[in-house]
Amino acid sequence: MDELCRVFLELFGDRFDGEVPDDDATLFGPDNKYGLESMDTMRFASALLPHFGDKVYDLKVEDFSSLRSVHDQLQHA
């Protein structure tokens, strides 16, 4: 989870004043309140490749909403 938070902050830290949102907060998708768009989702997934390798290709879009949901998918990939 720490690695996900670090990557997230590298990309979007300026939008969150350097603070990581709650692990279960909806960050990606239509219900997010942070102003992240679909291209931001792609940027985040791409930034995960050097850290998690091919597991990133197995992420399911419908479960790509919070840091915890991404973390859980990567752990089970």
N, C-alpha and C. Protein backbone atom coordinates (compact mmCIF):
# COMPACT_ATOMS: atom_id res chain seq x y z
N MET A 1 0.82 -1.20 0.00
CA MET A 1 0.00 0.00 0.00
C MET A 1 0.87 1.26 0.00
N ASP A 2 2.01 1.18 0.69
CA ASP A 2 2.89 2.35 0.75
C ASP A 2 3.39 2.75 -0.63
N GLU A 3 3.71 1.76 -1.44
CA GLU A 3 4.19 2.05 -2.79
C GLU A 3 3.10 2.70 -3.63
N LEU A 4 1.87 2.24 -3.50
CA LEU A 4 0.75 2.86 -4.22
C LEU A 4 0.59 4.32 -3.80
N CYS A 5 0.65 4.57 -2.52
CA CYS A 5 0.50 5.94 -2.00
C CYS A 5 1.61 6.84 -2.52
N ARG A 6 2.82 6.32 -2.55
CA ARG A 6 3.95 7.11 -3.03
C ARG A 6 3.78 7.48 -4.51
N VAL A 7 3.40 6.50 -5.32
CA VAL A 7 3.18 6.75 -6.75
C VAL A 7 2.03 7.73 -6.93
N PHE A 8 0.97 7.55 -6.16
CA PHE A 8 -0.19 8.45 -6.26
C PHE A 8 0.23 9.89 -5.95
N LEU A 9 1.00 10.06 -4.89
CA LEU A 9 1.43 11.41 -4.51
C LEU A 9 2.37 12.03 -5.53
N GLU A 10 3.21 11.22 -6.15
CA GLU A 10 4.10 11.74 -7.19
C GLU A 10 3.29 12.34 -8.33
N LEU A 11 2.19 11.71 -8.66
CA LEU A 11 1.37 12.19 -9.78
C LEU A 11 0.38 13.28 -9.39
N PHE A 12 -0.26 13.11 -8.25
CA PHE A 12 -1.39 13.97 -7.91
C PHE A 12 -1.23 14.72 -6.59
N GLY A 13 -0.06 14.70 -6.00
CA GLY A 13 0.15 15.32 -4.70
C GLY A 13 -0.22 16.80 -4.67
N ASP A 14 0.00 17.50 -5.78
CA ASP A 14 -0.33 18.93 -5.82
C ASP A 14 -1.84 19.17 -5.70
N ARG A 15 -2.64 18.23 -6.13
CA ARG A 15 -4.11 18.36 -6.02
C ARG A 15 -4.61 18.06 -4.61
N PHE A 16 -3.79 17.38 -3.84
CA PHE A 16 -4.20 16.94 -2.50
C PHE A 16 -3.34 17.57 -1.40
N ASP A 17 -2.63 18.63 -1.75
CA ASP A 17 -1.74 19.31 -0.80
C ASP A 17 -0.78 18.34 -0.13
N GLY A 18 -0.33 17.33 -0.87
CA GLY A 18 0.65 16.39 -0.37
C GLY A 18 0.11 15.33 0.58
N GLU A 19 -1.19 15.30 0.79
CA GLU A 19 -1.78 14.31 1.68
C GLU A 19 -2.49 13.23 0.87
N VAL A 20 -2.27 12.00 1.26
CA VAL A 20 -2.93 10.88 0.58
C VAL A 20 -4.35 10.75 1.11
N PRO A 21 -5.34 10.68 0.22
CA PRO A 21 -6.71 10.45 0.68
C PRO A 21 -6.85 9.10 1.37
N ASP A 22 -7.91 8.92 2.09
CA ASP A 22 -8.20 7.65 2.76
C ASP A 22 -8.10 6.50 1.76
N ASP A 23 -7.63 5.35 2.23
CA ASP A 23 -7.45 4.18 1.37
C ASP A 23 -8.72 3.78 0.64
N ASP A 24 -9.88 4.03 1.26
CA ASP A 24 -11.15 3.61 0.66
C ASP A 24 -11.89 4.73 -0.06
N ALA A 25 -11.30 5.92 -0.11
CA ALA A 25 -11.94 7.04 -0.81
C ALA A 25 -12.01 6.75 -2.30
N THR A 26 -13.12 7.10 -2.92
CA THR A 26 -13.27 6.91 -4.36
C THR A 26 -12.46 7.99 -5.07
N LEU A 27 -11.37 7.57 -5.70
CA LEU A 27 -10.46 8.50 -6.37
C LEU A 27 -10.65 8.50 -7.88
N PHE A 28 -11.04 7.37 -8.40
CA PHE A 28 -11.19 7.22 -9.84
C PHE A 28 -12.61 6.79 -10.16
N GLY A 29 -13.13 7.27 -11.26
CA GLY A 29 -14.48 6.91 -11.66
C GLY A 29 -15.42 8.08 -11.50
N PRO A 30 -16.66 7.89 -11.93
CA PRO A 30 -17.63 8.99 -11.96
C PRO A 30 -18.03 9.52 -10.58
N ASP A 31 -17.84 8.75 -9.53
CA ASP A 31 -18.26 9.17 -8.19
C ASP A 31 -17.16 9.88 -7.40
N ASN A 32 -16.01 10.13 -8.03
CA ASN A 32 -14.93 10.75 -7.28
C ASN A 32 -15.20 12.24 -7.10
N LYS A 33 -14.76 12.77 -5.97
CA LYS A 33 -14.99 14.18 -5.67
C LYS A 33 -13.69 14.99 -5.77
N TYR A 34 -12.65 14.38 -6.35
CA TYR A 34 -11.35 15.01 -6.40
C TYR A 34 -10.99 15.61 -7.76
N GLY A 35 -11.86 15.46 -8.71
CA GLY A 35 -11.62 16.03 -10.03
C GLY A 35 -10.67 15.23 -10.90
N LEU A 36 -10.42 13.97 -10.53
CA LEU A 36 -9.57 13.13 -11.37
C LEU A 36 -10.40 12.58 -12.52
N GLU A 37 -9.82 12.58 -13.70
CA GLU A 37 -10.54 12.17 -14.90
C GLU A 37 -10.00 10.84 -15.41
N SER A 38 -10.61 10.32 -16.46
CA SER A 38 -10.22 9.01 -16.98
C SER A 38 -8.76 8.99 -17.41
N MET A 39 -8.25 10.08 -17.94
CA MET A 39 -6.84 10.13 -18.33
C MET A 39 -5.95 10.02 -17.10
N ASP A 40 -6.39 10.55 -15.97
CA ASP A 40 -5.63 10.43 -14.73
C ASP A 40 -5.55 8.98 -14.28
N THR A 41 -6.61 8.24 -14.50
CA THR A 41 -6.62 6.81 -14.18
C THR A 41 -5.57 6.09 -15.01
N MET A 42 -5.50 6.42 -16.28
CA MET A 42 -4.50 5.81 -17.16
C MET A 42 -3.08 6.20 -16.75
N ARG A 43 -2.89 7.44 -16.37
CA ARG A 43 -1.56 7.89 -15.93
C ARG A 43 -1.13 7.12 -14.69
N PHE A 44 -2.05 6.93 -13.76
CA PHE A 44 -1.73 6.22 -12.52
C PHE A 44 -1.38 4.76 -12.83
N ALA A 45 -2.20 4.12 -13.65
CA ALA A 45 -1.94 2.72 -14.01
C ALA A 45 -0.58 2.60 -14.70
N SER A 46 -0.27 3.51 -15.59
CA SER A 46 1.01 3.48 -16.29
C SER A 46 2.18 3.68 -15.32
N ALA A 47 2.00 4.54 -14.34
CA ALA A 47 3.05 4.80 -13.36
C ALA A 47 3.29 3.60 -12.45
N LEU A 48 2.31 2.71 -12.37
CA LEU A 48 2.46 1.52 -11.53
C LEU A 48 3.30 0.43 -12.20
N LEU A 49 3.41 0.48 -13.52
CA LEU A 49 4.12 -0.57 -14.27
C LEU A 49 5.55 -0.82 -13.77
N PRO A 50 6.36 0.19 -13.54
CA PRO A 50 7.73 -0.10 -13.08
C PRO A 50 7.78 -0.75 -11.70
N HIS A 51 6.74 -0.56 -10.92
CA HIS A 51 6.72 -1.08 -9.55
C HIS A 51 6.06 -2.46 -9.43
N PHE A 52 5.06 -2.71 -10.28
CA PHE A 52 4.28 -3.94 -10.15
C PHE A 52 4.30 -4.80 -11.41
N GLY A 53 4.95 -4.35 -12.45
CA GLY A 53 5.13 -5.14 -13.66
C GLY A 53 3.82 -5.56 -14.32
N ASP A 54 3.82 -6.79 -14.82
CA ASP A 54 2.69 -7.30 -15.59
C ASP A 54 1.39 -7.41 -14.80
N LYS A 55 1.46 -7.37 -13.49
CA LYS A 55 0.23 -7.43 -12.68
C LYS A 55 -0.70 -6.28 -13.03
N VAL A 56 -0.13 -5.16 -13.46
CA VAL A 56 -0.94 -3.98 -13.80
C VAL A 56 -1.89 -4.29 -14.95
N TYR A 57 -1.44 -5.12 -15.89
CA TYR A 57 -2.28 -5.46 -17.04
C TYR A 57 -3.52 -6.27 -16.65
N ASP A 58 -3.50 -6.87 -15.47
CA ASP A 58 -4.62 -7.68 -15.01
C ASP A 58 -5.64 -6.89 -14.19
N LEU A 59 -5.37 -5.60 -13.95
CA LEU A 59 -6.32 -4.78 -13.18
C LEU A 59 -7.64 -4.65 -13.92
N LYS A 60 -8.71 -4.78 -13.19
CA LYS A 60 -10.06 -4.65 -13.78
C LYS A 60 -10.55 -3.22 -13.57
N VAL A 61 -10.97 -2.60 -14.65
CA VAL A 61 -11.39 -1.20 -14.61
C VAL A 61 -12.55 -1.00 -13.64
N GLU A 62 -13.48 -1.94 -13.61
CA GLU A 62 -14.66 -1.77 -12.75
C GLU A 62 -14.30 -1.80 -11.26
N ASP A 63 -13.11 -2.32 -10.93
CA ASP A 63 -12.66 -2.35 -9.54
C ASP A 63 -11.50 -1.38 -9.29
N PHE A 64 -11.33 -0.43 -10.16
CA PHE A 64 -10.25 0.54 -10.08
C PHE A 64 -10.81 1.86 -9.59
N SER A 65 -11.11 1.96 -8.30
CA SER A 65 -11.74 3.17 -7.79
C SER A 65 -10.99 3.80 -6.63
N SER A 66 -10.41 2.99 -5.76
CA SER A 66 -9.71 3.51 -4.59
C SER A 66 -8.31 2.88 -4.52
N LEU A 67 -7.48 3.43 -3.67
CA LEU A 67 -6.15 2.83 -3.50
C LEU A 67 -6.27 1.41 -2.97
N ARG A 68 -7.22 1.18 -2.06
CA ARG A 68 -7.40 -0.16 -1.53
C ARG A 68 -7.86 -1.14 -2.61
N SER A 69 -8.76 -0.71 -3.49
CA SER A 69 -9.24 -1.64 -4.52
C SER A 69 -8.11 -2.00 -5.49
N VAL A 70 -7.25 -1.04 -5.79
CA VAL A 70 -6.10 -1.31 -6.66
C VAL A 70 -5.12 -2.23 -5.93
N HIS A 71 -4.85 -1.93 -4.68
CA HIS A 71 -3.94 -2.74 -3.87
C HIS A 71 -4.42 -4.20 -3.79
N ASP A 72 -5.70 -4.38 -3.50
CA ASP A 72 -6.26 -5.73 -3.40
C ASP A 72 -6.12 -6.50 -4.71
N GLN A 73 -6.37 -5.82 -5.82
CA GLN A 73 -6.23 -6.49 -7.11
C GLN A 73 -4.79 -6.88 -7.38
N LEU A 74 -3.86 -6.01 -7.05
CA LEU A 74 -2.45 -6.31 -7.30
C LEU A 74 -1.97 -7.45 -6.42
N GLN A 75 -2.50 -7.56 -5.22
CA GLN A 75 -2.10 -8.63 -4.32
C GLN A 75 -2.62 -9.99 -4.78
N HIS A 76 -3.73 -9.99 -5.48
CA HIS A 76 -4.35 -11.24 -5.92
C HIS A 76 -4.05 -11.58 -7.37
N ALA A 77 -3.24 -10.75 -8.01
CA ALA A 77 -2.92 -10.99 -9.43
C ALA A 77 -1.86 -12.06 -9.57
